[in-house]
Amino acid sequence: MDADGEEAAAWEEGTVELPCFEKATYITLRLGHLGLAVPPAGVFARLITLNLSGVRFDGPCELGDAVSSPRCPCLEWLTICNTRGLDSLTVDSQSLVQMRLSTLVGLRRLVVVAPALMRLTVASSASYTPLQVNQLPTLRLLGCDFSSGEIGDYQYLMDDMTMLPEFTILHLVLNANGHAFEASSFHVLRMCTSIRRLILEFSTRRNFKDS
């Protein structure tokens, strides 16, 4: 099948390919949960900002490889939200300054190596997500939404979080969903010896009725 035929087949199946425009500096895709195929090769030579929303990843996904420094040498702002099918994400970037992940349904493993990163937000992950953060000396703001969700038989998230970088602002969103959150919250706070500003946000989905 030629290139035109492959592209037509992808559209028929509801899948589009992440465009690898060599001169693009800003890419935003809002796909309404269409499938997204990540190109296995090619360099996003000038890309500074990448926003992906409403994306469904089918099969093996090499998104981490695509947004890391060898293929994305200028990337500074990365936002991925409201996605399905991304079970593992490893980002190794020398240029990344801000990274926001929100509602990545099915994400099981997140590894971030980004020495220039100043702001990292991980919110509303619908499943257990071990968070490994390495080489983040410039990180100043970490935002985490510790929603209990469906923990199931997975090892508890806090057991894998043993070290955090020396950031100065911590924003915790606590959504208990009927579960206790005190131990996990204090576990994080004990590791945050450098914070100067702490924001605790309590969220609940319960509907309270007058007795």
Protein backbone atom coordinates (compact mmCIF):
# COMPACT_ATOMS: atom_id res chain seq x y z
CA MET A 1 0.00 0.00 0.00
CA ASP A 2 1.38 3.43 -0.94
CA ALA A 3 1.59 6.41 1.45
CA ASP A 4 -1.72 7.87 0.27
CA GLY A 5 -3.44 4.53 0.83
CA GLU A 6 -1.98 4.19 4.34
CA GLU A 7 -3.12 7.70 5.26
CA ALA A 8 -6.63 7.02 3.96
CA ALA A 9 -6.82 3.76 5.92
CA ALA A 10 -5.72 5.55 9.09
CA TRP A 11 -8.49 8.11 8.74
CA GLU A 12 -11.07 5.40 8.10
CA GLU A 13 -10.04 3.71 11.35
CA GLY A 14 -10.25 6.99 13.23
CA THR A 15 -6.49 7.37 13.64
CA VAL A 16 -4.28 10.33 12.73
CA GLU A 17 -0.51 10.62 12.83
CA LEU A 18 1.27 13.21 14.92
CA PRO A 19 2.57 15.60 12.24
CA CYS A 20 6.35 15.94 12.24
CA PHE A 21 6.66 19.42 10.76
CA GLU A 22 10.33 20.40 10.84
CA LYS A 23 9.60 24.14 11.01
CA ALA A 24 6.61 24.06 13.40
CA THR A 25 7.12 25.73 16.79
CA TYR A 26 3.60 25.11 18.19
CA ILE A 27 1.32 22.09 17.77
CA THR A 28 -2.09 21.61 19.40
CA LEU A 29 -4.24 18.54 18.69
CA ARG A 30 -7.74 18.11 20.13
CA LEU A 31 -8.97 14.87 18.61
CA GLY A 32 -12.19 14.00 20.43
CA HIS A 33 -10.71 10.60 21.35
CA LEU A 34 -9.64 9.68 17.84
CA GLY A 35 -6.58 7.46 17.73
CA LEU A 36 -3.14 9.05 17.52
CA ALA A 37 -0.15 7.35 15.91
CA VAL A 38 3.29 8.60 16.93
CA PRO A 39 5.80 8.56 14.06
CA PRO A 40 8.68 6.16 14.83
CA ALA A 41 11.24 8.50 13.25
CA GLY A 42 11.71 12.16 12.40
CA VAL A 43 12.82 15.23 14.34
CA PHE A 44 10.60 18.07 15.57
CA ALA A 45 13.52 20.42 15.08
CA ARG A 46 11.90 23.72 16.20
CA LEU A 47 8.93 22.58 18.25
CA ILE A 48 8.61 24.60 21.49
CA THR A 49 5.01 23.85 22.58
CA LEU A 50 3.06 20.59 22.23
CA ASN A 51 -0.54 20.21 23.47
CA LEU A 52 -2.40 16.89 23.10
CA SER A 53 -6.02 16.59 24.26
CA GLY A 54 -8.76 14.01 23.76
CA VAL A 55 -6.32 11.46 22.36
CA ARG A 56 -6.57 7.67 22.19
CA PHE A 57 -3.28 5.79 21.86
CA ASP A 58 -3.65 2.41 20.16
CA GLY A 59 -1.02 -0.28 20.53
CA PRO A 60 2.61 0.42 21.51
CA CYS A 61 3.17 4.13 22.02
CA GLU A 62 6.56 5.83 21.68
CA LEU A 63 5.36 9.27 22.75
CA GLY A 64 8.13 9.59 25.32
CA ASP A 65 10.74 8.95 22.67
CA ALA A 66 9.15 11.51 20.34
CA VAL A 67 9.11 14.32 22.94
CA SER A 68 12.57 13.65 24.41
CA SER A 69 15.62 15.69 23.42
CA PRO A 70 17.04 13.63 20.52
CA ARG A 71 13.85 14.15 18.49
CA CYS A 72 12.46 17.28 20.18
CA PRO A 73 15.53 19.39 21.08
CA CYS A 74 13.69 22.69 21.65
CA LEU A 75 10.55 21.55 23.49
CA GLU A 76 9.76 23.76 26.51
CA TRP A 77 6.02 23.30 27.16
CA LEU A 78 4.31 19.89 27.13
CA THR A 79 0.64 19.35 27.96
CA ILE A 80 -1.13 15.98 27.69
CA CYS A 81 -4.69 15.70 28.96
CA ASN A 82 -7.80 13.55 28.71
CA THR A 83 -6.18 10.57 27.03
CA ARG A 84 -6.54 6.79 26.96
CA GLY A 85 -4.13 4.01 26.09
CA LEU A 86 -0.92 5.65 27.32
CA ASP A 87 0.24 3.13 29.91
CA SER A 88 3.86 4.29 30.25
CA LEU A 89 5.58 7.62 29.66
CA THR A 90 9.31 8.31 29.96
CA VAL A 91 10.48 11.83 29.14
CA ASP A 92 14.20 12.68 28.99
CA SER A 93 14.48 16.31 27.97
CA GLN A 94 17.22 18.90 28.39
CA SER A 95 14.96 21.78 27.30
CA LEU A 96 11.59 21.09 28.98
CA VAL A 97 10.48 23.92 31.32
CA GLN A 98 6.84 23.08 32.06
CA MET A 99 4.96 19.75 31.92
CA ARG A 100 1.28 19.20 32.69
CA LEU A 101 -0.41 15.79 32.69
CA SER A 102 -4.12 15.58 33.44
CA THR A 103 -6.58 12.67 33.27
CA LEU A 104 -4.33 10.15 31.56
CA VAL A 105 -6.58 7.12 31.91
CA GLY A 106 -4.55 3.92 32.22
CA LEU A 107 -1.16 5.54 32.90
CA ARG A 108 0.81 3.07 35.03
CA ARG A 109 4.35 4.47 34.99
CA LEU A 110 5.78 7.97 34.67
CA VAL A 111 9.50 8.79 34.54
CA VAL A 112 10.75 12.36 34.12
CA VAL A 113 14.38 13.39 33.62
CA ALA A 114 14.45 17.12 32.89
CA PRO A 115 17.19 19.30 34.42
CA ALA A 116 15.58 22.56 33.22
CA LEU A 117 12.03 21.72 34.40
CA MET A 118 10.49 24.38 36.65
CA ARG A 119 6.85 23.29 36.85
CA LEU A 120 5.39 19.77 36.91
CA THR A 121 1.68 19.04 37.33
CA VAL A 122 0.19 15.54 37.50
CA ALA A 123 -3.58 15.61 38.02
CA SER A 124 -6.54 13.25 38.00
CA SER A 125 -4.75 10.10 36.98
CA ALA A 126 -7.47 7.45 36.91
CA SER A 127 -5.18 4.60 37.94
CA TYR A 128 -2.13 3.79 40.00
CA THR A 129 0.83 5.78 38.66
CA PRO A 130 4.33 5.32 40.12
CA LEU A 131 6.07 8.68 39.74
CA GLN A 132 9.84 8.73 39.27
CA VAL A 133 11.44 12.15 39.02
CA ASN A 134 15.19 12.42 38.45
CA GLN A 135 17.56 15.31 37.78
CA LEU A 136 15.12 18.16 38.36
CA PRO A 137 17.38 20.72 40.10
CA THR A 138 15.41 23.74 38.86
CA LEU A 139 11.90 22.48 39.76
CA ARG A 140 10.04 25.14 41.76
CA LEU A 141 6.40 24.05 41.54
CA LEU A 142 5.01 20.52 41.85
CA GLY A 143 1.25 20.02 41.61
CA CYS A 144 -0.25 16.61 42.36
CA ASP A 145 -3.86 15.43 42.54
CA PHE A 146 -3.81 12.47 44.93
CA SER A 147 -7.22 11.04 44.04
CA SER A 148 -7.75 7.62 45.54
CA GLY A 149 -9.64 6.27 42.54
CA GLU A 150 -9.60 2.54 41.95
CA ILE A 151 -6.39 1.38 43.62
CA GLY A 152 -7.31 -2.29 43.30
CA ASP A 153 -4.48 -4.75 43.87
CA TYR A 154 -1.71 -2.39 42.79
CA GLN A 155 1.10 -1.45 45.14
CA TYR A 156 0.32 1.83 46.86
CA LEU A 157 1.67 4.88 45.04
CA MET A 158 3.47 6.31 48.07
CA ASP A 159 5.72 3.26 48.38
CA ASP A 160 7.42 4.20 45.09
CA MET A 161 7.81 7.90 45.89
CA THR A 162 10.92 8.05 48.07
CA MET A 163 12.57 11.29 46.94
CA LEU A 164 11.40 14.61 45.54
CA PRO A 165 13.45 17.49 44.11
CA GLU A 166 14.04 20.71 46.06
CA PHE A 167 11.07 22.75 44.87
CA THR A 168 9.76 25.79 46.78
CA ILE A 169 6.00 25.60 46.02
CA LEU A 170 3.82 22.53 46.61
CA HIS A 171 0.16 22.33 45.57
CA LEU A 172 -1.68 19.22 46.78
CA VAL A 173 -5.22 18.44 45.63
CA LEU A 174 -6.76 15.86 48.00
CA ASN A 175 -9.73 13.86 46.73
CA ALA A 176 -10.36 11.08 49.23
CA ASN A 177 -13.37 9.41 47.57
CA GLY A 178 -14.14 7.71 50.87
CA HIS A 179 -10.51 6.70 51.56
CA ALA A 180 -8.05 8.02 54.13
CA PHE A 181 -5.43 10.42 52.78
CA GLU A 182 -3.59 11.55 55.94
CA ALA A 183 -0.72 9.05 55.69
CA SER A 184 0.00 9.74 52.02
CA SER A 185 -0.16 13.51 52.55
CA PHE A 186 2.27 13.48 55.47
CA HIS A 187 4.55 11.10 53.57
CA VAL A 188 4.89 13.71 50.82
CA LEU A 189 5.27 16.61 53.24
CA ARG A 190 8.11 14.88 55.08
CA MET A 191 10.08 14.79 51.83
CA CYS A 192 9.42 18.47 51.04
CA THR A 193 11.98 20.16 53.28
CA SER A 194 12.60 23.07 50.90
CA ILE A 195 9.04 24.32 50.32
CA ARG A 196 8.24 27.93 51.13
CA ARG A 197 4.63 27.92 49.97
CA LEU A 198 2.13 25.12 50.57
CA ILE A 199 -1.34 24.95 49.02
CA LEU A 200 -3.74 22.23 50.24
CA GLU A 201 -6.94 21.89 48.22
CA PHE A 202 -9.63 19.54 49.50
CA SER A 203 -12.02 18.19 46.88
CA THR A 204 -15.07 16.00 47.36
CA ARG A 205 -17.63 14.46 45.03
CA ARG A 206 -20.10 13.62 47.75
CA ASN A 207 -23.46 15.29 47.92
CA PHE A 208 -24.27 16.25 51.48
CA LYS A 209 -27.91 16.45 52.54
CA ASP A 210 -29.37 18.30 55.50
CA SER A 211 -30.32 15.92 58.29
